[in-house]
Amino acid sequence: MLLGSMAQNAFAQKIEIKGTVRDASDKSIEYVNVVLQTIDSTFVAGVTTSPEGEFIFKNTAAGDYTCSFQHRV
């Protein structure tokens, strides 16, 4: 499960994409690799979730994106 949000200033061309990765029991999952890509699969950025399962992409150009998540147990 992914809980996320997107904040955008009405006059800015940059956005912030953030969220929390949780399992089916609502427990945060740490150290998940999160990859942000454009709709045509061009790599934009990658981050790893915090111990609280949180991730953030700052100063991202406004647009349409996909996120993929990978976690090894």
PDB file of N, CA and C in Angstrom:
ATOM      1  N   MET A   1       0.845  -1.155   0.000  1.00  0.00           N
ATOM      2  CA  MET A   1       0.000   0.000   0.000  1.00  0.00           C
ATOM      3  C   MET A   1       0.898   1.227   0.000  1.00  0.00           C
ATOM      4  N   LEU A   2       0.499   2.245  -0.725  1.00  0.00           N
ATOM      5  CA  LEU A   2       1.263   3.488  -0.791  1.00  0.00           C
ATOM      6  C   LEU A   2       0.348   4.627  -0.431  1.00  0.00           C
ATOM      7  N   LEU A   3       0.780   5.417   0.532  1.00  0.00           N
ATOM      8  CA  LEU A   3       0.069   6.640   0.854  1.00  0.00           C
ATOM      9  C   LEU A   3       0.946   7.775   0.387  1.00  0.00           C
ATOM     10  N   GLY A   4       0.435   8.618  -0.456  1.00  0.00           N
ATOM     11  CA  GLY A   4       1.281   9.673  -1.002  1.00  0.00           C
ATOM     12  C   GLY A   4       0.533  10.958  -1.177  1.00  0.00           C
ATOM     13  N   SER A   5       1.293  11.989  -1.454  1.00  0.00           N
ATOM     14  CA  SER A   5       0.693  13.287  -1.729  1.00  0.00           C
ATOM     15  C   SER A   5       1.602  14.067  -2.641  1.00  0.00           C
ATOM     16  N   MET A   6       1.037  15.082  -3.237  1.00  0.00           N
ATOM     17  CA  MET A   6       1.809  15.945  -4.107  1.00  0.00           C
ATOM     18  C   MET A   6       1.468  17.379  -3.730  1.00  0.00           C
ATOM     19  N   ALA A   7       2.488  18.161  -3.426  1.00  0.00           N
ATOM     20  CA  ALA A   7       2.278  19.563  -3.078  1.00  0.00           C
ATOM     21  C   ALA A   7       2.824  20.426  -4.197  1.00  0.00           C
ATOM     22  N   GLN A   8       2.040  21.436  -4.564  1.00  0.00           N
ATOM     23  CA  GLN A   8       2.472  22.293  -5.654  1.00  0.00           C
ATOM     24  C   GLN A   8       2.070  23.728  -5.357  1.00  0.00           C
ATOM     25  N   ASN A   9       3.018  24.623  -5.470  1.00  0.00           N
ATOM     26  CA  ASN A   9       2.740  26.040  -5.352  1.00  0.00           C
ATOM     27  C   ASN A   9       2.113  26.494  -6.664  1.00  0.00           C
ATOM     28  N   ALA A  10       1.064  27.297  -6.587  1.00  0.00           N
ATOM     29  CA  ALA A  10       0.325  27.712  -7.785  1.00  0.00           C
ATOM     30  C   ALA A  10       1.203  28.450  -8.789  1.00  0.00           C
ATOM     31  N   PHE A  11       2.272  29.085  -8.352  1.00  0.00           N
ATOM     32  CA  PHE A  11       3.115  29.860  -9.248  1.00  0.00           C
ATOM     33  C   PHE A  11       4.449  29.185  -9.551  1.00  0.00           C
ATOM     34  N   ALA A  12       4.688  28.034  -8.974  1.00  0.00           N
ATOM     35  CA  ALA A  12       5.978  27.373  -9.136  1.00  0.00           C
ATOM     36  C   ALA A  12       5.916  26.318 -10.239  1.00  0.00           C
ATOM     37  N   GLN A  13       7.063  26.033 -10.823  1.00  0.00           N
ATOM     38  CA  GLN A  13       7.171  24.992 -11.830  1.00  0.00           C
ATOM     39  C   GLN A  13       7.752  23.719 -11.236  1.00  0.00           C
ATOM     40  N   LYS A  14       8.032  23.718  -9.955  1.00  0.00           N
ATOM     41  CA  LYS A  14       8.593  22.551  -9.269  1.00  0.00           C
ATOM     42  C   LYS A  14       7.576  22.018  -8.279  1.00  0.00           C
ATOM     43  N   ILE A  15       7.554  20.699  -8.123  1.00  0.00           N
ATOM     44  CA  ILE A  15       6.646  20.069  -7.176  1.00  0.00           C
ATOM     45  C   ILE A  15       7.427  19.159  -6.240  1.00  0.00           C
ATOM     46  N   GLU A  16       6.749  18.715  -5.201  1.00  0.00           N
ATOM     47  CA  GLU A  16       7.303  17.769  -4.238  1.00  0.00           C
ATOM     48  C   GLU A  16       6.400  16.549  -4.237  1.00  0.00           C
ATOM     49  N   ILE A  17       6.991  15.392  -4.393  1.00  0.00           N
ATOM     50  CA  ILE A  17       6.231  14.141  -4.365  1.00  0.00           C
ATOM     51  C   ILE A  17       6.714  13.356  -3.156  1.00  0.00           C
ATOM     52  N   LYS A  18       5.787  13.007  -2.281  1.00  0.00           N
ATOM     53  CA  LYS A  18       6.192  12.290  -1.070  1.00  0.00           C
ATOM     54  C   LYS A  18       5.132  11.268  -0.696  1.00  0.00           C
ATOM     55  N   GLY A  19       5.544  10.305   0.113  1.00  0.00           N
ATOM     56  CA  GLY A  19       4.610   9.281   0.537  1.00  0.00           C
ATOM     57  C   GLY A  19       5.208   8.375   1.583  1.00  0.00           C
ATOM     58  N   THR A  20       4.440   7.396   1.982  1.00  0.00           N
ATOM     59  CA  THR A  20       4.859   6.404   2.960  1.00  0.00           C
ATOM     60  C   THR A  20       4.508   5.024   2.414  1.00  0.00           C
ATOM     61  N   VAL A  21       5.453   4.109   2.474  1.00  0.00           N
ATOM     62  CA  VAL A  21       5.233   2.745   2.019  1.00  0.00           C
ATOM     63  C   VAL A  21       4.896   1.896   3.246  1.00  0.00           C
ATOM     64  N   ARG A  22       3.764   1.190   3.157  1.00  0.00           N
ATOM     65  CA  ARG A  22       3.292   0.354   4.270  1.00  0.00           C
ATOM     66  C   ARG A  22       2.904  -1.024   3.759  1.00  0.00           C
ATOM     67  N   ASP A  23       2.970  -2.005   4.647  1.00  0.00           N
ATOM     68  CA  ASP A  23       2.547  -3.353   4.272  1.00  0.00           C
ATOM     69  C   ASP A  23       1.049  -3.516   4.524  1.00  0.00           C
ATOM     70  N   ALA A  24       0.532  -4.724   4.292  1.00  0.00           N
ATOM     71  CA  ALA A  24      -0.901  -4.987   4.422  1.00  0.00           C
ATOM     72  C   ALA A  24      -1.418  -4.793   5.846  1.00  0.00           C
ATOM     73  N   SER A  25      -0.522  -4.904   6.836  1.00  0.00           N
ATOM     74  CA  SER A  25      -0.929  -4.698   8.232  1.00  0.00           C
ATOM     75  C   SER A  25      -0.712  -3.257   8.687  1.00  0.00           C
ATOM     76  N   ASP A  26      -0.438  -2.361   7.728  1.00  0.00           N
ATOM     77  CA  ASP A  26      -0.248  -0.921   7.955  1.00  0.00           C
ATOM     78  C   ASP A  26       1.070  -0.591   8.663  1.00  0.00           C
ATOM     79  N   LYS A  27       2.023  -1.521   8.632  1.00  0.00           N
ATOM     80  CA  LYS A  27       3.347  -1.278   9.212  1.00  0.00           C
ATOM     81  C   LYS A  27       4.245  -0.634   8.154  1.00  0.00           C
ATOM     82  N   SER A  28       4.969   0.408   8.536  1.00  0.00           N
ATOM     83  CA  SER A  28       5.894   1.082   7.628  1.00  0.00           C
ATOM     84  C   SER A  28       6.992   0.130   7.193  1.00  0.00           C
ATOM     85  N   ILE A  29       7.407   0.269   5.929  1.00  0.00           N
ATOM     86  CA  ILE A  29       8.472  -0.582   5.402  1.00  0.00           C
ATOM     87  C   ILE A  29       9.697   0.288   5.132  1.00  0.00           C
ATOM     88  N   GLU A  30      10.785  -0.026   5.798  1.00  0.00           N
ATOM     89  CA  GLU A  30      12.019   0.747   5.628  1.00  0.00           C
ATOM     90  C   GLU A  30      12.854   0.193   4.480  1.00  0.00           C
ATOM     91  N   TYR A  31      13.702   1.040   3.952  1.00  0.00           N
ATOM     92  CA  TYR A  31      14.703   0.686   2.933  1.00  0.00           C
ATOM     93  C   TYR A  31      14.104   0.122   1.641  1.00  0.00           C
ATOM     94  N   VAL A  32      12.975   0.678   1.227  1.00  0.00           N
ATOM     95  CA  VAL A  32      12.381   0.338  -0.069  1.00  0.00           C
ATOM     96  C   VAL A  32      12.980   1.274  -1.109  1.00  0.00           C
ATOM     97  N   ASN A  33      13.417   0.736  -2.235  1.00  0.00           N
ATOM     98  CA  ASN A  33      13.908   1.575  -3.326  1.00  0.00           C
ATOM     99  C   ASN A  33      12.707   2.104  -4.103  1.00  0.00           C
ATOM    100  N   VAL A  34      12.656   3.428  -4.263  1.00  0.00           N
ATOM    101  CA  VAL A  34      11.557   4.078  -4.974  1.00  0.00           C
ATOM    102  C   VAL A  34      12.161   4.782  -6.188  1.00  0.00           C
ATOM    103  N   VAL A  35      11.638   4.487  -7.373  1.00  0.00           N
ATOM    104  CA  VAL A  35      12.146   5.072  -8.617  1.00  0.00           C
ATOM    105  C   VAL A  35      11.032   5.898  -9.252  1.00  0.00           C
ATOM    106  N   LEU A  36      11.362   7.128  -9.594  1.00  0.00           N
ATOM    107  CA  LEU A  36      10.438   8.039 -10.264  1.00  0.00           C
ATOM    108  C   LEU A  36      10.816   8.105 -11.730  1.00  0.00           C
ATOM    109  N   GLN A  37       9.826   7.862 -12.610  1.00  0.00           N
ATOM    110  CA  GLN A  37      10.058   7.882 -14.051  1.00  0.00           C
ATOM    111  C   GLN A  37       8.961   8.688 -14.739  1.00  0.00           C
ATOM    112  N   THR A  38       9.303   9.219 -15.909  1.00  0.00           N
ATOM    113  CA  THR A  38       8.284   9.863 -16.729  1.00  0.00           C
ATOM    114  C   THR A  38       7.392   8.773 -17.313  1.00  0.00           C
ATOM    115  N   ILE A  39       6.293   9.182 -17.903  1.00  0.00           N
ATOM    116  CA  ILE A  39       5.351   8.217 -18.480  1.00  0.00           C
ATOM    117  C   ILE A  39       6.014   7.349 -19.552  1.00  0.00           C
ATOM    118  N   ASP A  40       7.002   7.900 -20.265  1.00  0.00           N
ATOM    119  CA  ASP A  40       7.700   7.103 -21.297  1.00  0.00           C
ATOM    120  C   ASP A  40       8.879   6.321 -20.726  1.00  0.00           C
ATOM    121  N   SER A  41       8.919   6.150 -19.404  1.00  0.00           N
ATOM    122  CA  SER A  41       9.912   5.327 -18.679  1.00  0.00           C
ATOM    123  C   SER A  41      11.307   5.934 -18.584  1.00  0.00           C
ATOM    124  N   THR A  42      11.444   7.226 -18.781  1.00  0.00           N
ATOM    125  CA  THR A  42      12.730   7.898 -18.588  1.00  0.00           C
ATOM    126  C   THR A  42      12.985   8.082 -17.092  1.00  0.00           C
ATOM    127  N   PHE A  43      14.151   7.641 -16.625  1.00  0.00           N
ATOM    128  CA  PHE A  43      14.518   7.780 -15.222  1.00  0.00           C
ATOM    129  C   PHE A  43      14.590   9.252 -14.840  1.00  0.00           C
ATOM    130  N   VAL A  44      13.983   9.598 -13.706  1.00  0.00           N
ATOM    131  CA  VAL A  44      14.027  10.970 -13.184  1.00  0.00           C
ATOM    132  C   VAL A  44      14.853  11.019 -11.910  1.00  0.00           C
ATOM    133  N   ALA A  45      14.535  10.144 -10.946  1.00  0.00           N
ATOM    134  CA  ALA A  45      15.241  10.137  -9.665  1.00  0.00           C
ATOM    135  C   ALA A  45      14.943   8.842  -8.928  1.00  0.00           C
ATOM    136  N   GLY A  46      15.781   8.551  -7.949  1.00  0.00           N
ATOM    137  CA  GLY A  46      15.573   7.384  -7.105  1.00  0.00           C
ATOM    138  C   GLY A  46      15.922   7.710  -5.671  1.00  0.00           C
ATOM    139  N   VAL A  47      15.168   7.168  -4.738  1.00  0.00           N
ATOM    140  CA  VAL A  47      15.423   7.363  -3.311  1.00  0.00           C
ATOM    141  C   VAL A  47      15.150   6.049  -2.583  1.00  0.00           C
ATOM    142  N   THR A  48      15.533   6.000  -1.320  1.00  0.00           N
ATOM    143  CA  THR A  48      15.262   4.864  -0.454  1.00  0.00           C
ATOM    144  C   THR A  48      14.437   5.356   0.724  1.00  0.00           C
ATOM    145  N   THR A  49      13.429   4.579   1.121  1.00  0.00           N
ATOM    146  CA  THR A  49      12.584   5.016   2.225  1.00  0.00           C
ATOM    147  C   THR A  49      13.361   5.051   3.540  1.00  0.00           C
ATOM    148  N   SER A  50      12.908   5.923   4.413  1.00  0.00           N
ATOM    149  CA  SER A  50      13.492   6.074   5.748  1.00  0.00           C
ATOM    150  C   SER A  50      13.062   4.904   6.639  1.00  0.00           C
ATOM    151  N   PRO A  51      13.584   4.826   7.863  1.00  0.00           N
ATOM    152  CA  PRO A  51      13.127   3.787   8.788  1.00  0.00           C
ATOM    153  C   PRO A  51      11.617   3.856   9.063  1.00  0.00           C
ATOM    154  N   GLU A  52      11.007   5.025   8.818  1.00  0.00           N
ATOM    155  CA  GLU A  52       9.561   5.194   8.996  1.00  0.00           C
ATOM    156  C   GLU A  52       8.787   4.901   7.708  1.00  0.00           C
ATOM    157  N   GLY A  53       9.497   4.461   6.653  1.00  0.00           N
ATOM    158  CA  GLY A  53       8.855   4.137   5.391  1.00  0.00           C
ATOM    159  C   GLY A  53       8.563   5.334   4.503  1.00  0.00           C
ATOM    160  N   GLU A  54       9.093   6.489   4.851  1.00  0.00           N
ATOM    161  CA  GLU A  54       8.802   7.721   4.120  1.00  0.00           C
ATOM    162  C   GLU A  54       9.807   7.966   2.992  1.00  0.00           C
ATOM    163  N   PHE A  55       9.308   8.573   1.919  1.00  0.00           N
ATOM    164  CA  PHE A  55      10.177   8.992   0.823  1.00  0.00           C
ATOM    165  C   PHE A  55       9.731  10.356   0.334  1.00  0.00           C
ATOM    166  N   ILE A  56      10.662  11.070  -0.327  1.00  0.00           N
ATOM    167  CA  ILE A  56      10.331  12.387  -0.862  1.00  0.00           C
ATOM    168  C   ILE A  56      11.210  12.685  -2.078  1.00  0.00           C
ATOM    169  N   PHE A  57      10.578  13.209  -3.098  1.00  0.00           N
ATOM    170  CA  PHE A  57      11.274  13.738  -4.269  1.00  0.00           C
ATOM    171  C   PHE A  57      11.035  15.239  -4.255  1.00  0.00           C
ATOM    172  N   LYS A  58      12.099  16.019  -4.041  1.00  0.00           N
ATOM    173  CA  LYS A  58      11.981  17.481  -3.965  1.00  0.00           C
ATOM    174  C   LYS A  58      12.370  18.111  -5.293  1.00  0.00           C
ATOM    175  N   ASN A  59      11.874  19.318  -5.512  1.00  0.00           N
ATOM    176  CA  ASN A  59      12.242  20.117  -6.689  1.00  0.00           C
ATOM    177  C   ASN A  59      12.086  19.346  -7.996  1.00  0.00           C
ATOM    178  N   THR A  60      10.967  18.682  -8.142  1.00  0.00           N
ATOM    179  CA  THR A  60      10.682  17.904  -9.339  1.00  0.00           C
ATOM    180  C   THR A  60       9.847  18.748 -10.292  1.00  0.00           C
ATOM    181  N   ALA A  61      10.196  18.744 -11.555  1.00  0.00           N
ATOM    182  CA  ALA A  61       9.428  19.502 -12.541  1.00  0.00           C
ATOM    183  C   ALA A  61       7.993  18.979 -12.580  1.00  0.00           C
ATOM    184  N   ALA A  62       7.039  19.881 -12.669  1.00  0.00           N
ATOM    185  CA  ALA A  62       5.634  19.476 -12.768  1.00  0.00           C
ATOM    186  C   ALA A  62       5.443  18.606 -14.004  1.00  0.00           C
ATOM    187  N   GLY A  63       4.650  17.567 -13.891  1.00  0.00           N
ATOM    188  CA  GLY A  63       4.414  16.664 -15.020  1.00  0.00           C
ATOM    189  C   GLY A  63       3.757  15.382 -14.572  1.00  0.00           C
ATOM    190  N   ASP A  64       3.688  14.416 -15.473  1.00  0.00           N
ATOM    191  CA  ASP A  64       3.099  13.110 -15.195  1.00  0.00           C
ATOM    192  C   ASP A  64       4.223  12.098 -14.961  1.00  0.00           C
ATOM    193  N   TYR A  65       4.105  11.333 -13.868  1.00  0.00           N
ATOM    194  CA  TYR A  65       5.147  10.393 -13.486  1.00  0.00           C
ATOM    195  C   TYR A  65       4.562   9.059 -13.041  1.00  0.00           C
ATOM    196  N   THR A  66       5.408   8.046 -13.035  1.00  0.00           N
ATOM    197  CA  THR A  66       5.088   6.770 -12.392  1.00  0.00           C
ATOM    198  C   THR A  66       6.148   6.508 -11.337  1.00  0.00           C
ATOM    199  N   CYS A  67       5.774   5.781 -10.299  1.00  0.00           N
ATOM    200  CA  CYS A  67       6.715   5.352  -9.259  1.00  0.00           C
ATOM    201  C   CYS A  67       6.725   3.835  -9.241  1.00  0.00           C
ATOM    202  N   SER A  68       7.927   3.282  -9.091  1.00  0.00           N
ATOM    203  CA  SER A  68       8.029   1.845  -8.889  1.00  0.00           C
ATOM    204  C   SER A  68       8.744   1.615  -7.557  1.00  0.00           C
ATOM    205  N   PHE A  69       8.445   0.490  -6.940  1.00  0.00           N
ATOM    206  CA  PHE A  69       8.948   0.186  -5.607  1.00  0.00           C
ATOM    207  C   PHE A  69       9.554  -1.199  -5.594  1.00  0.00           C
ATOM    208  N   GLN A  70      10.730  -1.314  -4.967  1.00  0.00           N
ATOM    209  CA  GLN A  70      11.386  -2.610  -4.863  1.00  0.00           C
ATOM    210  C   GLN A  70      11.923  -2.781  -3.463  1.00  0.00           C
ATOM    211  N   HIS A  71      11.615  -3.942  -2.872  1.00  0.00           N
ATOM    212  CA  HIS A  71      12.072  -4.236  -1.517  1.00  0.00           C
ATOM    213  C   HIS A  71      12.471  -5.699  -1.447  1.00  0.00           C
ATOM    214  N   ARG A  72      13.633  -5.944  -0.934  1.00  0.00           N
ATOM    215  CA  ARG A  72      14.103  -7.327  -0.766  1.00  0.00           C
ATOM    216  C   ARG A  72      13.960  -7.712   0.702  1.00  0.00           C
ATOM    217  N   VAL A  73      13.419  -8.877   0.894  1.00  0.00           N
ATOM    218  CA  VAL A  73      13.197  -9.354   2.259  1.00  0.00           C
ATOM    219  C   VAL A  73      14.355 -10.203   2.712  1.00  0.00           C
TER     220      VAL A  73
END
